[in-house]
Amino acid sequence: MEKVQLPEADLRGIEFKLQNIQTQINFVNLNLNKVDNNIDNLHAQINALSEQIATFERKQMLENRLGQAETKIVKIRQEIENKFGHYAKIRRLTTGILQGTDLGIIKKETISNVTEKTMISTPGYWLAPCLVALSAWISDDKDLADKAVKEAIKRNDEKTSLFFGLICRRANRKAASLKWFQRYLENQDSRHLDRKAVIVIDAFVSGLLGADSESLISQQISKWIEEIMNEGNSMEQQMEQWKNTIALKKPYEVNLDYPYLEKYSTTWSLLKEIMKGAKLHNNLYNYFKNIFDKKHIKEPLKKELDRILDDLVTNFDAEEIPLRKQEKFEQFVINYKGDENQAQTSMRIEETAFKDDKDFMQLLTDASMKPESSKASVSTQKFAIAISKEWIEAAYTDLIAENRAKIPHEIEILIGTFRGKTQNGENENELISEFSNHNEKEKEQELEKYKLTSYDNFFLYGGALIGILGLFMLSTGVMGIFGIIAGIGMILHYNSIKKSKEANYQRTKDLFAERLEKGIIIIRAIMAETVDFREEFSKTDAESEKVLDFLRDIHPEQYINKLDSNSRRININAWDKEYNYYE
């Protein structure tokens, strides 16, 4: 049989294609490496982006709520003006009538006409008949004064009693003033005091009620305290009340310069919280000191009483309370830059100042810590703090202990997947060693991915074997050629895998070497910041002693002003008449 002579195969085209395939394989492997890197970077970017989005959303929400609060507070004040603006006109009449009469430049008929018009224009308002009675008193019209006083008592007994108690004291009618204050106090319960009782305390501590009233008020205060303290759980209630109120002086935010702890410590939020608790001390000290540093400037008796009268007629109308509470809440939102949750927390504590009745200790708490809402003067604040100092000290000491109890024994750190702990930054070398070992283990685990496997080696040995077989089979025909081509392809693929893995192997070693270097820097920075934080906290927390020393040095009797008993009598003959309600 004649042998068939096969033409000599031209393998150059096949070799070129194989080289092209190898180039593409190398390109794909290179891109796969880049993809791996990009995926790692992408995860980090996604996490960072998520944080940025959350931060932006919260910032936007706070800014929107802040804008709403600023708009709302304007509308609330406009509503107050629209609903109660006519009350304001009557309120201004009170001091206007008194001061005009002092000067003797207003006709009695003018006063009568004005006050009678207020009765018609504001039906049901308690102050209107009071002004009619005041006008009748000035005009020496006993019958009209009696009728007007009875109507005022019918509309609001407590405010009327306080009003005429202050008016009579202004006229130096001490006996009549005492009767009015007695009338007011007889209707009071130490557990359900009228919020206007702060007016009586204000007049008392300002020294405006004279020696007779002073005995009455001081005895009443002692009685109220005794009644409350005789109740079983009173001390616990007072401490809780004071703790909540004092805690409001804790800063809403603190600027702390510990970037590594903030970024790498899982304990950071707790560290920040206890530092806020420590910074409470200086805030509270400054709050108390600012109050007690204000000197009581003794104004003339009439001027002082006019101030308290103005508080009574302006700040204690129940109809306005709902709007005043809304106004206060929106003001809190503004103060906290749109943070409604924080505003609600503060408002829950603040709203006791708006209650129509409260126990005497709550009255003192509100007067001490919420003067704007409770309408307490500086003199009343000083007295309220001084008389409450034992409860304040007990509650404050409890707050100090609670904050110190939160101090973490160990500060936890998280660097990548490495977790460690330190107490005072003393174990720096130990942590560095642990981090190095942890990093080495992770490196070895990662490098395992880039070691040649049996499967990878199969392409080398299998390719060589198939290539050799192809050479032997070359004489048999096309199968030998394909064997050689397949063998070369497998060997080239093996070389590609090897180069790729060697590159990744080296890249991984470099990456972990860099990670080790950075990690050591981070650990050393965290240790240094831990030492600094502990020192700053200890120094800041020690300021609590200033507050305690300050409280221990104040005494209630120091803050009751004594007024000269020879105060000048008001120069109106008609006011010297012996009326039943005024003597």
Foldseek 3Di string as FASTA:
>chain_A
DDDDDDPDDDCPVVVVVLVVVLVVLLVVLVVVVVVVVVVVVVVVVVVVVVVVVVVVVVLVLLQVLLVVLVVVLVVLVVVCCVVCVLLVVLLVVVVVVVVCVLVPPDDLVVQQVVLVVSCVVDPLDLVSLVSNLVSCLLVLNQVSNVVSLVVSCVSPVQLSLCLLLLVLLLLVLLVLNLVSVVSNLVPADQAWGFLLVLLVLQCFQLQSNADVVVVVVVVSVVVSVVVQVPDDCSLVVLLVLLLLLLLVLQDPADDDPQVLCVVWWPCVVLLRVLLSLLLSLVSVLCLLCVLVVDDDDDDASNVSSSVSSSCSSPQRDLVCLVSVLSSQLSVLSNVVSRPNVVSVSVSVSLCVLSDRTGHPLVSLSCVQRVCVSSVHDSLSNQLSCQVCLVSNVVSSVVSLVVSVVSPDQWIWTHDPNDIDIDRQLPCLVVSLVVVVVVLVVVLVVVLVVLDDDPVLVCLQVVLVVLLVVLVVCVVVDDSSVVSNSSSVSSNSVSVSSNVSSVVVNVVSVVVSVVSSVVVSVSSNSNSVVSNVSVVVSVVSNVSNVVVSVVNVPGHNVVSRDHDDSPRDRRPRVSNPDDRPSND
